[in-house]
């Protein structure tokens, strides 16, 4: 399931490592989220807050299957 996490992170000029560190997750975990390989509502909430986007919009992007 594709999502907009990577695009949103990059638009804000945040590296994967900084994002992962700030969220307290491994960079590999963040990569899995960006690729849509795993879903965890707790992490989606943290990511939405961190990226300053609405959770519903982040989840909707995730469900839409749009390509990056």
PDB file of N, CA and C in Angstrom:
ATOM      1  N   UNK A   1       0.843  -1.170   0.000  1.00  0.00           N
ATOM      2  CA  UNK A   1       0.000   0.000   0.000  1.00  0.00           C
ATOM      3  C   UNK A   1       0.895   1.242   0.000  1.00  0.00           C
ATOM      4  N   UNK A   2       0.795   2.040  -1.028  1.00  0.00           N
ATOM      5  CA  UNK A   2       1.597   3.244  -1.160  1.00  0.00           C
ATOM      6  C   UNK A   2       1.047   4.345  -0.256  1.00  0.00           C
ATOM      7  N   UNK A   3       1.875   5.308   0.060  1.00  0.00           N
ATOM      8  CA  UNK A   3       1.443   6.441   0.868  1.00  0.00           C
ATOM      9  C   UNK A   3       2.296   7.657   0.515  1.00  0.00           C
ATOM     10  N   UNK A   4       2.058   8.746   1.181  1.00  0.00           N
ATOM     11  CA  UNK A   4       2.765   9.986   0.889  1.00  0.00           C
ATOM     12  C   UNK A   4       3.812  10.343   1.941  1.00  0.00           C
ATOM     13  N   UNK A   5       4.154   9.430   2.786  1.00  0.00           N
ATOM     14  CA  UNK A   5       5.090   9.740   3.869  1.00  0.00           C
ATOM     15  C   UNK A   5       6.412  10.254   3.316  1.00  0.00           C
ATOM     16  N   UNK A   6       6.978   9.541   2.361  1.00  0.00           N
ATOM     17  CA  UNK A   6       8.283   9.935   1.815  1.00  0.00           C
ATOM     18  C   UNK A   6       8.204  11.314   1.170  1.00  0.00           C
ATOM     19  N   UNK A   7       7.183  11.528   0.372  1.00  0.00           N
ATOM     20  CA  UNK A   7       7.028  12.817  -0.306  1.00  0.00           C
ATOM     21  C   UNK A   7       6.878  13.956   0.701  1.00  0.00           C
ATOM     22  N   UNK A   8       6.051  13.755   1.710  1.00  0.00           N
ATOM     23  CA  UNK A   8       5.846  14.784   2.730  1.00  0.00           C
ATOM     24  C   UNK A   8       7.141  15.062   3.492  1.00  0.00           C
ATOM     25  N   UNK A   9       7.869  14.014   3.814  1.00  0.00           N
ATOM     26  CA  UNK A   9       9.136  14.165   4.542  1.00  0.00           C
ATOM     27  C   UNK A   9      10.131  14.940   3.686  1.00  0.00           C
ATOM     28  N   UNK A  10      10.247  14.557   2.420  1.00  0.00           N
ATOM     29  CA  UNK A  10      11.205  15.213   1.536  1.00  0.00           C
ATOM     30  C   UNK A  10      10.842  16.673   1.283  1.00  0.00           C
ATOM     31  N   UNK A  11       9.552  16.971   1.141  1.00  0.00           N
ATOM     32  CA  UNK A  11       9.108  18.358   0.947  1.00  0.00           C
ATOM     33  C   UNK A  11       9.557  19.251   2.092  1.00  0.00           C
ATOM     34  N   UNK A  12       9.661  18.671   3.259  1.00  0.00           N
ATOM     35  CA  UNK A  12      10.066  19.439   4.442  1.00  0.00           C
ATOM     36  C   UNK A  12      11.578  19.419   4.644  1.00  0.00           C
ATOM     37  N   UNK A  13      12.295  18.752   3.739  1.00  0.00           N
ATOM     38  CA  UNK A  13      13.751  18.719   3.819  1.00  0.00           C
ATOM     39  C   UNK A  13      14.276  17.895   4.979  1.00  0.00           C
ATOM     40  N   UNK A  14      13.531  16.872   5.363  1.00  0.00           N
ATOM     41  CA  UNK A  14      13.913  16.028   6.502  1.00  0.00           C
ATOM     42  C   UNK A  14      14.486  14.719   5.976  1.00  0.00           C
ATOM     43  N   UNK A  15      15.672  14.365   6.421  1.00  0.00           N
ATOM     44  CA  UNK A  15      16.282  13.099   6.003  1.00  0.00           C
ATOM     45  C   UNK A  15      15.573  11.926   6.678  1.00  0.00           C
ATOM     46  N   UNK A  16      15.725  10.746   6.084  1.00  0.00           N
ATOM     47  CA  UNK A  16      15.141   9.553   6.705  1.00  0.00           C
ATOM     48  C   UNK A  16      15.717   9.356   8.101  1.00  0.00           C
ATOM     49  N   UNK A  17      17.029   9.533   8.238  1.00  0.00           N
ATOM     50  CA  UNK A  17      17.664   9.296   9.536  1.00  0.00           C
ATOM     51  C   UNK A  17      17.147  10.257  10.594  1.00  0.00           C
ATOM     52  N   UNK A  18      17.031  11.540  10.251  1.00  0.00           N
ATOM     53  CA  UNK A  18      16.530  12.518  11.227  1.00  0.00           C
ATOM     54  C   UNK A  18      15.089  12.206  11.609  1.00  0.00           C
ATOM     55  N   UNK A  19      14.273  11.892  10.623  1.00  0.00           N
ATOM     56  CA  UNK A  19      12.877  11.566  10.895  1.00  0.00           C
ATOM     57  C   UNK A  19      12.782  10.356  11.820  1.00  0.00           C
ATOM     58  N   UNK A  20      13.516   9.309  11.486  1.00  0.00           N
ATOM     59  CA  UNK A  20      13.499   8.092  12.306  1.00  0.00           C
ATOM     60  C   UNK A  20      13.981   8.390  13.724  1.00  0.00           C
ATOM     61  N   UNK A  21      15.085   9.132  13.835  1.00  0.00           N
ATOM     62  CA  UNK A  21      15.617   9.483  15.154  1.00  0.00           C
ATOM     63  C   UNK A  21      14.607  10.290  15.959  1.00  0.00           C
ATOM     64  N   UNK A  22      14.002  11.283  15.309  1.00  0.00           N
ATOM     65  CA  UNK A  22      13.035  12.134  16.008  1.00  0.00           C
ATOM     66  C   UNK A  22      11.813  11.349  16.472  1.00  0.00           C
ATOM     67  N   UNK A  23      11.433  10.327  15.707  1.00  0.00           N
ATOM     68  CA  UNK A  23      10.268   9.512  16.059  1.00  0.00           C
ATOM     69  C   UNK A  23      10.615   8.354  16.997  1.00  0.00           C
ATOM     70  N   UNK A  24      11.901   8.100  17.193  1.00  0.00           N
ATOM     71  CA  UNK A  24      12.324   7.006  18.064  1.00  0.00           C
ATOM     72  C   UNK A  24      12.118   5.635  17.442  1.00  0.00           C
ATOM     73  N   UNK A  25      12.255   5.577  16.099  1.00  0.00           N
ATOM     74  CA  UNK A  25      12.137   4.301  15.386  1.00  0.00           C
ATOM     75  C   UNK A  25      13.389   4.106  14.552  1.00  0.00           C
ATOM     76  N   UNK A  26      13.607   2.884  14.103  1.00  0.00           N
ATOM     77  CA  UNK A  26      14.770   2.633  13.257  1.00  0.00           C
ATOM     78  C   UNK A  26      14.519   3.184  11.860  1.00  0.00           C
ATOM     79  N   UNK A  27      15.608   3.459  11.150  1.00  0.00           N
ATOM     80  CA  UNK A  27      15.458   3.943   9.790  1.00  0.00           C
ATOM     81  C   UNK A  27      14.805   2.871   8.923  1.00  0.00           C
ATOM     82  N   UNK A  28      15.091   1.610   9.180  1.00  0.00           N
ATOM     83  CA  UNK A  28      14.474   0.513   8.427  1.00  0.00           C
ATOM     84  C   UNK A  28      12.961   0.498   8.634  1.00  0.00           C
ATOM     85  N   UNK A  29      12.512   0.753   9.851  1.00  0.00           N
ATOM     86  CA  UNK A  29      11.077   0.817  10.115  1.00  0.00           C
ATOM     87  C   UNK A  29      10.449   1.950   9.315  1.00  0.00           C
ATOM     88  N   UNK A  30      11.103   3.108   9.314  1.00  0.00           N
ATOM     89  CA  UNK A  30      10.591   4.229   8.535  1.00  0.00           C
ATOM     90  C   UNK A  30      10.543   3.866   7.049  1.00  0.00           C
ATOM     91  N   UNK A  31      11.578   3.212   6.548  1.00  0.00           N
ATOM     92  CA  UNK A  31      11.593   2.796   5.144  1.00  0.00           C
ATOM     93  C   UNK A  31      10.425   1.872   4.837  1.00  0.00           C
ATOM     94  N   UNK A  32      10.114   0.978   5.742  1.00  0.00           N
ATOM     95  CA  UNK A  32       8.969   0.073   5.542  1.00  0.00           C
ATOM     96  C   UNK A  32       7.657   0.858   5.473  1.00  0.00           C
ATOM     97  N   UNK A  33       7.526   1.870   6.329  1.00  0.00           N
ATOM     98  CA  UNK A  33       6.319   2.705   6.285  1.00  0.00           C
ATOM     99  C   UNK A  33       6.235   3.462   4.976  1.00  0.00           C
ATOM    100  N   UNK A  34       7.367   4.005   4.529  1.00  0.00           N
ATOM    101  CA  UNK A  34       7.370   4.760   3.283  1.00  0.00           C
ATOM    102  C   UNK A  34       7.018   3.882   2.088  1.00  0.00           C
ATOM    103  N   UNK A  35       7.392   2.623   2.151  1.00  0.00           N
ATOM    104  CA  UNK A  35       7.087   1.684   1.062  1.00  0.00           C
ATOM    105  C   UNK A  35       5.717   1.038   1.221  1.00  0.00           C
ATOM    106  N   UNK A  36       5.051   1.303   2.334  1.00  0.00           N
ATOM    107  CA  UNK A  36       3.736   0.723   2.574  1.00  0.00           C
ATOM    108  C   UNK A  36       3.793  -0.750   2.934  1.00  0.00           C
ATOM    109  N   UNK A  37       4.933  -1.196   3.442  1.00  0.00           N
ATOM    110  CA  UNK A  37       5.113  -2.604   3.781  1.00  0.00           C
ATOM    111  C   UNK A  37       4.540  -2.983   5.140  1.00  0.00           C
ATOM    112  N   UNK A  38       4.265  -2.004   5.948  1.00  0.00           N
ATOM    113  CA  UNK A  38       3.753  -2.282   7.278  1.00  0.00           C
ATOM    114  C   UNK A  38       2.835  -1.140   7.703  1.00  0.00           C
ATOM    115  N   UNK A  39       1.882  -1.460   8.541  1.00  0.00           N
ATOM    116  CA  UNK A  39       0.948  -0.445   9.014  1.00  0.00           C
ATOM    117  C   UNK A  39       0.798  -0.570  10.527  1.00  0.00           C
ATOM    118  N   UNK A  40       0.880   0.558  11.185  1.00  0.00           N
ATOM    119  CA  UNK A  40       0.725   0.610  12.631  1.00  0.00           C
ATOM    120  C   UNK A  40       0.139   1.973  12.948  1.00  0.00           C
ATOM    121  N   UNK A  41      -1.078   1.996  13.414  1.00  0.00           N
ATOM    122  CA  UNK A  41      -1.774   3.260  13.651  1.00  0.00           C
ATOM    123  C   UNK A  41      -0.989   4.177  14.574  1.00  0.00           C
ATOM    124  N   UNK A  42      -0.336   3.632  15.560  1.00  0.00           N
ATOM    125  CA  UNK A  42       0.448   4.444  16.480  1.00  0.00           C
ATOM    126  C   UNK A  42       1.524   5.215  15.733  1.00  0.00           C
ATOM    127  N   UNK A  43       2.213   4.522  14.820  1.00  0.00           N
ATOM    128  CA  UNK A  43       3.263   5.193  14.052  1.00  0.00           C
ATOM    129  C   UNK A  43       2.674   6.180  13.054  1.00  0.00           C
ATOM    130  N   UNK A  44       1.508   5.870  12.471  1.00  0.00           N
ATOM    131  CA  UNK A  44       0.869   6.817  11.565  1.00  0.00           C
ATOM    132  C   UNK A  44       0.496   8.100  12.315  1.00  0.00           C
ATOM    133  N   UNK A  45       0.039   7.964  13.537  1.00  0.00           N
ATOM    134  CA  UNK A  45      -0.297   9.147  14.339  1.00  0.00           C
ATOM    135  C   UNK A  45       0.957   9.976  14.590  1.00  0.00           C
ATOM    136  N   UNK A  46       2.050   9.306  14.982  1.00  0.00           N
ATOM    137  CA  UNK A  46       3.309  10.017  15.213  1.00  0.00           C
ATOM    138  C   UNK A  46       3.799  10.695  13.939  1.00  0.00           C
ATOM    139  N   UNK A  47       3.719   9.980  12.815  1.00  0.00           N
ATOM    140  CA  UNK A  47       4.167  10.545  11.543  1.00  0.00           C
ATOM    141  C   UNK A  47       3.306  11.740  11.135  1.00  0.00           C
ATOM    142  N   UNK A  48       2.011  11.628  11.289  1.00  0.00           N
ATOM    143  CA  UNK A  48       1.116  12.734  10.943  1.00  0.00           C
ATOM    144  C   UNK A  48       1.448  13.966  11.784  1.00  0.00           C
ATOM    145  N   UNK A  49       1.642  13.773  13.072  1.00  0.00           N
ATOM    146  CA  UNK A  49       1.996  14.888  13.953  1.00  0.00           C
ATOM    147  C   UNK A  49       3.356  15.464  13.581  1.00  0.00           C
ATOM    148  N   UNK A  50       4.315  14.598  13.338  1.00  0.00           N
ATOM    149  CA  UNK A  50       5.666  15.028  13.004  1.00  0.00           C
ATOM    150  C   UNK A  50       5.694  15.814  11.702  1.00  0.00           C
ATOM    151  N   UNK A  51       4.942  15.339  10.704  1.00  0.00           N
ATOM    152  CA  UNK A  51       4.916  15.989   9.393  1.00  0.00           C
ATOM    153  C   UNK A  51       3.886  17.119   9.324  1.00  0.00           C
ATOM    154  N   UNK A  52       3.187  17.325  10.442  1.00  0.00           N
ATOM    155  CA  UNK A  52       2.193  18.391  10.549  1.00  0.00           C
ATOM    156  C   UNK A  52       1.099  18.267   9.480  1.00  0.00           C
ATOM    157  N   UNK A  53       0.588  17.044   9.335  1.00  0.00           N
ATOM    158  CA  UNK A  53      -0.525  16.799   8.421  1.00  0.00           C
ATOM    159  C   UNK A  53      -1.631  16.091   9.181  1.00  0.00           C
ATOM    160  N   UNK A  54      -2.816  16.182   8.667  1.00  0.00           N
ATOM    161  CA  UNK A  54      -3.973  15.536   9.262  1.00  0.00           C
ATOM    162  C   UNK A  54      -3.850  14.017   9.121  1.00  0.00           C
ATOM    163  N   UNK A  55      -4.129  13.287  10.188  1.00  0.00           N
ATOM    164  CA  UNK A  55      -4.050  11.832  10.155  1.00  0.00           C
ATOM    165  C   UNK A  55      -4.948  11.248   9.077  1.00  0.00           C
ATOM    166  N   UNK A  56      -6.146  11.777   8.961  1.00  0.00           N
ATOM    167  CA  UNK A  56      -7.073  11.272   7.952  1.00  0.00           C
ATOM    168  C   UNK A  56      -6.488  11.426   6.548  1.00  0.00           C
ATOM    169  N   UNK A  57      -5.844  12.554   6.285  1.00  0.00           N
ATOM    170  CA  UNK A  57      -5.233  12.774   4.970  1.00  0.00           C
ATOM    171  C   UNK A  57      -4.098  11.783   4.741  1.00  0.00           C
ATOM    172  N   UNK A  58      -3.312  11.521   5.775  1.00  0.00           N
ATOM    173  CA  UNK A  58      -2.213  10.566   5.641  1.00  0.00           C
ATOM    174  C   UNK A  58      -2.751   9.166   5.388  1.00  0.00           C
ATOM    175  N   UNK A  59      -3.781   8.772   6.114  1.00  0.00           N
ATOM    176  CA  UNK A  59      -4.372   7.452   5.914  1.00  0.00           C
ATOM    177  C   UNK A  59      -5.075   7.364   4.570  1.00  0.00           C
ATOM    178  N   UNK A  60      -5.736   8.440   4.177  1.00  0.00           N
ATOM    179  CA  UNK A  60      -6.402   8.449   2.867  1.00  0.00           C
ATOM    180  C   UNK A  60      -5.375   8.292   1.758  1.00  0.00           C
ATOM    181  N   UNK A  61      -4.252   8.970   1.879  1.00  0.00           N
ATOM    182  CA  UNK A  61      -3.191   8.844   0.884  1.00  0.00           C
ATOM    183  C   UNK A  61      -2.696   7.410   0.850  1.00  0.00           C
ATOM    184  N   UNK A  62      -2.614   6.802   2.015  1.00  0.00           N
ATOM    185  CA  UNK A  62      -2.163   5.429   2.118  1.00  0.00           C
ATOM    186  C   UNK A  62      -3.137   4.475   1.444  1.00  0.00           C
ATOM    187  N   UNK A  63      -4.435   4.743   1.557  1.00  0.00           N
ATOM    188  CA  UNK A  63      -5.450   3.865   0.984  1.00  0.00           C
ATOM    189  C   UNK A  63      -5.641   4.086  -0.511  1.00  0.00           C
ATOM    190  N   UNK A  64      -5.234   5.264  -1.021  1.00  0.00           N
ATOM    191  CA  UNK A  64      -5.498   5.585  -2.419  1.00  0.00           C
ATOM    192  C   UNK A  64      -4.650   4.791  -3.387  1.00  0.00           C
ATOM    193  N   UNK A  65      -3.479   4.331  -2.928  1.00  0.00           N
ATOM    194  CA  UNK A  65      -2.610   3.551  -3.792  1.00  0.00           C
ATOM    195  C   UNK A  65      -1.915   4.376  -4.840  1.00  0.00           C
ATOM    196  N   UNK A  66      -1.854   5.690  -4.659  1.00  0.00           N
ATOM    197  CA  UNK A  66      -1.172   6.553  -5.622  1.00  0.00           C
ATOM    198  C   UNK A  66       0.311   6.311  -5.655  1.00  0.00           C
ATOM    199  N   UNK A  67       0.918   6.440  -6.808  1.00  0.00           N
ATOM    200  CA  UNK A  67       2.356   6.212  -6.961  1.00  0.00           C
ATOM    201  C   UNK A  67       3.137   7.452  -6.572  1.00  0.00           C
ATOM    202  N   UNK A  68       4.331   7.239  -6.088  1.00  0.00           N
ATOM    203  CA  UNK A  68       5.222   8.321  -5.709  1.00  0.00           C
ATOM    204  C   UNK A  68       6.142   8.633  -6.854  1.00  0.00           C
TER     205      UNK A  68
END
